[in-house]
Amino acid sequence: IVSGHGTFASCSGSFDEALARISSIEIMCCHACRSVLEQTKPNRA
């Protein structure tokens, strides 16, 4: 932690954590949507 930036460092750390959680949720939703689309529509990849 850089001297004088302790608060910012901890703040950005929790922000990165929240961002990672949101990203993983979005990825899981994306995979779920894709699997549903693959089941309901013919494969055109």
PDB file of N, CA and C in Angstrom:
ATOM      1  N   ILE A   1       0.857  -1.205   0.000  1.00  0.00           N
ATOM      2  CA  ILE A   1       0.000   0.000   0.000  1.00  0.00           C
ATOM      3  C   ILE A   1       0.884   1.243   0.000  1.00  0.00           C
ATOM      4  N   VAL A   2       0.661   2.127  -0.935  1.00  0.00           N
ATOM      5  CA  VAL A   2       1.448   3.352  -1.032  1.00  0.00           C
ATOM      6  C   VAL A   2       1.074   4.279   0.114  1.00  0.00           C
ATOM      7  N   SER A   3       2.088   4.937   0.685  1.00  0.00           N
ATOM      8  CA  SER A   3       1.845   5.821   1.823  1.00  0.00           C
ATOM      9  C   SER A   3       0.907   6.958   1.429  1.00  0.00           C
ATOM     10  N   GLY A   4      -0.139   7.153   2.226  1.00  0.00           N
ATOM     11  CA  GLY A   4      -1.076   8.240   1.967  1.00  0.00           C
ATOM     12  C   GLY A   4      -2.238   7.820   1.082  1.00  0.00           C
ATOM     13  N   HIS A   5      -2.193   6.593   0.554  1.00  0.00           N
ATOM     14  CA  HIS A   5      -3.270   6.140  -0.315  1.00  0.00           C
ATOM     15  C   HIS A   5      -3.929   4.874   0.234  1.00  0.00           C
ATOM     16  N   GLY A   6      -3.854   4.679   1.551  1.00  0.00           N
ATOM     17  CA  GLY A   6      -4.401   3.466   2.146  1.00  0.00           C
ATOM     18  C   GLY A   6      -5.903   3.357   1.939  1.00  0.00           C
ATOM     19  N   THR A   7      -6.614   4.460   2.167  1.00  0.00           N
ATOM     20  CA  THR A   7      -8.068   4.435   2.034  1.00  0.00           C
ATOM     21  C   THR A   7      -8.468   4.147   0.600  1.00  0.00           C
ATOM     22  N   PHE A   8      -7.785   4.791  -0.342  1.00  0.00           N
ATOM     23  CA  PHE A   8      -8.109   4.579  -1.755  1.00  0.00           C
ATOM     24  C   PHE A   8      -7.826   3.140  -2.164  1.00  0.00           C
ATOM     25  N   ALA A   9      -6.732   2.582  -1.642  1.00  0.00           N
ATOM     26  CA  ALA A   9      -6.353   1.218  -1.997  1.00  0.00           C
ATOM     27  C   ALA A   9      -7.415   0.227  -1.518  1.00  0.00           C
ATOM     28  N   SER A  10      -7.861   0.373  -0.275  1.00  0.00           N
ATOM     29  CA  SER A  10      -8.862  -0.546   0.251  1.00  0.00           C
ATOM     30  C   SER A  10     -10.187  -0.347  -0.473  1.00  0.00           C
ATOM     31  N   CYS A  11     -10.473   0.899  -0.841  1.00  0.00           N
ATOM     32  CA  CYS A  11     -11.728   1.202  -1.532  1.00  0.00           C
ATOM     33  C   CYS A  11     -11.719   0.570  -2.921  1.00  0.00           C
ATOM     34  N   SER A  12     -10.621   0.742  -3.646  1.00  0.00           N
ATOM     35  CA  SER A  12     -10.538   0.177  -4.992  1.00  0.00           C
ATOM     36  C   SER A  12     -10.511  -1.341  -4.925  1.00  0.00           C
ATOM     37  N   GLY A  13      -9.941  -1.889  -3.846  1.00  0.00           N
ATOM     38  CA  GLY A  13      -9.892  -3.334  -3.700  1.00  0.00           C
ATOM     39  C   GLY A  13     -11.293  -3.917  -3.596  1.00  0.00           C
ATOM     40  N   SER A  14     -12.138  -3.319  -2.768  1.00  0.00           N
ATOM     41  CA  SER A  14     -13.496  -3.817  -2.623  1.00  0.00           C
ATOM     42  C   SER A  14     -14.283  -3.578  -3.908  1.00  0.00           C
ATOM     43  N   PHE A  15     -13.939  -2.494  -4.616  1.00  0.00           N
ATOM     44  CA  PHE A  15     -14.604  -2.218  -5.892  1.00  0.00           C
ATOM     45  C   PHE A  15     -14.267  -3.304  -6.904  1.00  0.00           C
ATOM     46  N   ASP A  16     -12.983  -3.695  -6.966  1.00  0.00           N
ATOM     47  CA  ASP A  16     -12.573  -4.763  -7.877  1.00  0.00           C
ATOM     48  C   ASP A  16     -13.280  -6.065  -7.518  1.00  0.00           C
ATOM     49  N   GLU A  17     -13.445  -6.302  -6.215  1.00  0.00           N
ATOM     50  CA  GLU A  17     -14.118  -7.519  -5.772  1.00  0.00           C
ATOM     51  C   GLU A  17     -15.564  -7.532  -6.248  1.00  0.00           C
ATOM     52  N   ALA A  18     -16.241  -6.402  -6.056  1.00  0.00           N
ATOM     53  CA  ALA A  18     -17.638  -6.305  -6.485  1.00  0.00           C
ATOM     54  C   ALA A  18     -17.737  -6.450  -7.998  1.00  0.00           C
ATOM     55  N   LEU A  19     -16.787  -5.839  -8.717  1.00  0.00           N
ATOM     56  CA  LEU A  19     -16.791  -5.914 -10.175  1.00  0.00           C
ATOM     57  C   LEU A  19     -16.606  -7.354 -10.632  1.00  0.00           C
ATOM     58  N   ALA A  20     -15.722  -8.087  -9.939  1.00  0.00           N
ATOM     59  CA  ALA A  20     -15.478  -9.482 -10.296  1.00  0.00           C
ATOM     60  C   ALA A  20     -16.735 -10.318 -10.073  1.00  0.00           C
ATOM     61  N   ARG A  21     -17.449 -10.039  -8.985  1.00  0.00           N
ATOM     62  CA  ARG A  21     -18.683 -10.788  -8.710  1.00  0.00           C
ATOM     63  C   ARG A  21     -19.715 -10.505  -9.788  1.00  0.00           C
ATOM     64  N   ILE A  22     -19.866  -9.219 -10.150  1.00  0.00           N
ATOM     65  CA  ILE A  22     -20.840  -8.846 -11.177  1.00  0.00           C
ATOM     66  C   ILE A  22     -20.473  -9.504 -12.502  1.00  0.00           C
ATOM     67  N   SER A  23     -19.179  -9.505 -12.827  1.00  0.00           N
ATOM     68  CA  SER A  23     -18.732 -10.090 -14.090  1.00  0.00           C
ATOM     69  C   SER A  23     -19.036 -11.581 -14.127  1.00  0.00           C
ATOM     70  N   SER A  24     -18.774 -12.291 -13.038  1.00  0.00           N
ATOM     71  CA  SER A  24     -19.011 -13.732 -13.008  1.00  0.00           C
ATOM     72  C   SER A  24     -20.504 -14.026 -13.129  1.00  0.00           C
ATOM     73  N   ILE A  25     -21.340 -13.171 -12.525  1.00  0.00           N
ATOM     74  CA  ILE A  25     -22.792 -13.355 -12.637  1.00  0.00           C
ATOM     75  C   ILE A  25     -23.225 -13.144 -14.084  1.00  0.00           C
ATOM     76  N   GLU A  26     -22.679 -12.103 -14.732  1.00  0.00           N
ATOM     77  CA  GLU A  26     -23.023 -11.835 -16.129  1.00  0.00           C
ATOM     78  C   GLU A  26     -22.601 -12.998 -17.017  1.00  0.00           C
ATOM     79  N   ILE A  27     -21.416 -13.563 -16.736  1.00  0.00           N
ATOM     80  CA  ILE A  27     -20.915 -14.687 -17.530  1.00  0.00           C
ATOM     81  C   ILE A  27     -21.823 -15.902 -17.352  1.00  0.00           C
ATOM     82  N   MET A  28     -22.252 -16.172 -16.112  1.00  0.00           N
ATOM     83  CA  MET A  28     -23.129 -17.315 -15.870  1.00  0.00           C
ATOM     84  C   MET A  28     -24.454 -17.121 -16.591  1.00  0.00           C
ATOM     85  N   CYS A  29     -25.005 -15.897 -16.560  1.00  0.00           N
ATOM     86  CA  CYS A  29     -26.265 -15.614 -17.245  1.00  0.00           C
ATOM     87  C   CYS A  29     -26.092 -15.794 -18.743  1.00  0.00           C
ATOM     88  N   CYS A  30     -24.943 -15.361 -19.251  1.00  0.00           N
ATOM     89  CA  CYS A  30     -24.670 -15.476 -20.681  1.00  0.00           C
ATOM     90  C   CYS A  30     -24.644 -16.940 -21.089  1.00  0.00           C
ATOM     91  N   HIS A  31     -23.972 -17.784 -20.306  1.00  0.00           N
ATOM     92  CA  HIS A  31     -23.903 -19.211 -20.611  1.00  0.00           C
ATOM     93  C   HIS A  31     -25.298 -19.834 -20.551  1.00  0.00           C
ATOM     94  N   ALA A  32     -26.096 -19.413 -19.576  1.00  0.00           N
ATOM     95  CA  ALA A  32     -27.446 -19.956 -19.442  1.00  0.00           C
ATOM     96  C   ALA A  32     -28.282 -19.585 -20.661  1.00  0.00           C
ATOM     97  N   CYS A  33     -28.177 -18.308 -21.080  1.00  0.00           N
ATOM     98  CA  CYS A  33     -28.938 -17.867 -22.247  1.00  0.00           C
ATOM     99  C   CYS A  33     -28.505 -18.633 -23.487  1.00  0.00           C
ATOM    100  N   ARG A  34     -27.223 -18.851 -23.640  1.00  0.00           N
ATOM    101  CA  ARG A  34     -26.713 -19.559 -24.814  1.00  0.00           C
ATOM    102  C   ARG A  34     -27.217 -20.998 -24.835  1.00  0.00           C
ATOM    103  N   SER A  35     -27.204 -21.658 -23.690  1.00  0.00           N
ATOM    104  CA  SER A  35     -27.643 -23.053 -23.649  1.00  0.00           C
ATOM    105  C   SER A  35     -29.132 -23.148 -23.973  1.00  0.00           C
ATOM    106  N   VAL A  36     -29.915 -22.169 -23.504  1.00  0.00           N
ATOM    107  CA  VAL A  36     -31.349 -22.156 -23.807  1.00  0.00           C
ATOM    108  C   VAL A  36     -31.559 -21.929 -25.300  1.00  0.00           C
ATOM    109  N   LEU A  37     -30.800 -20.991 -25.875  1.00  0.00           N
ATOM    110  CA  LEU A  37     -30.925 -20.719 -27.309  1.00  0.00           C
ATOM    111  C   LEU A  37     -30.538 -21.944 -28.123  1.00  0.00           C
ATOM    112  N   GLU A  38     -29.513 -22.659 -27.680  1.00  0.00           N
ATOM    113  CA  GLU A  38     -29.075 -23.852 -28.408  1.00  0.00           C
ATOM    114  C   GLU A  38     -30.140 -24.942 -28.358  1.00  0.00           C
ATOM    115  N   GLN A  39     -30.914 -24.983 -27.258  1.00  0.00           N
ATOM    116  CA  GLN A  39     -31.940 -26.010 -27.123  1.00  0.00           C
ATOM    117  C   GLN A  39     -33.176 -25.660 -27.953  1.00  0.00           C
ATOM    118  N   THR A  40     -33.485 -24.363 -28.065  1.00  0.00           N
ATOM    119  CA  THR A  40     -34.730 -23.959 -28.721  1.00  0.00           C
ATOM    120  C   THR A  40     -34.538 -23.673 -30.199  1.00  0.00           C
ATOM    121  N   LYS A  41     -33.319 -23.350 -30.630  1.00  0.00           N
ATOM    122  CA  LYS A  41     -33.077 -23.031 -32.038  1.00  0.00           C
ATOM    123  C   LYS A  41     -32.076 -24.009 -32.641  1.00  0.00           C
ATOM    124  N   PRO A  42     -32.162 -24.257 -33.950  1.00  0.00           N
ATOM    125  CA  PRO A  42     -31.163 -25.097 -34.622  1.00  0.00           C
ATOM    126  C   PRO A  42     -29.799 -24.428 -34.585  1.00  0.00           C
ATOM    127  N   ASN A  43     -28.764 -25.227 -34.513  1.00  0.00           N
ATOM    128  CA  ASN A  43     -27.413 -24.691 -34.376  1.00  0.00           C
ATOM    129  C   ASN A  43     -26.968 -24.064 -35.689  1.00  0.00           C
ATOM    130  N   ARG A  44     -26.619 -22.774 -35.636  1.00  0.00           N
ATOM    131  CA  ARG A  44     -26.138 -22.090 -36.842  1.00  0.00           C
ATOM    132  C   ARG A  44     -24.785 -21.456 -36.574  1.00  0.00           C
ATOM    133  N   ALA A  45     -23.924 -22.153 -35.830  1.00  0.00           N
ATOM    134  CA  ALA A  45     -22.597 -21.620 -35.525  1.00  0.00           C
ATOM    135  C   ALA A  45     -21.671 -21.888 -36.707  1.00  0.00           C
TER     136      ALA A  45
END
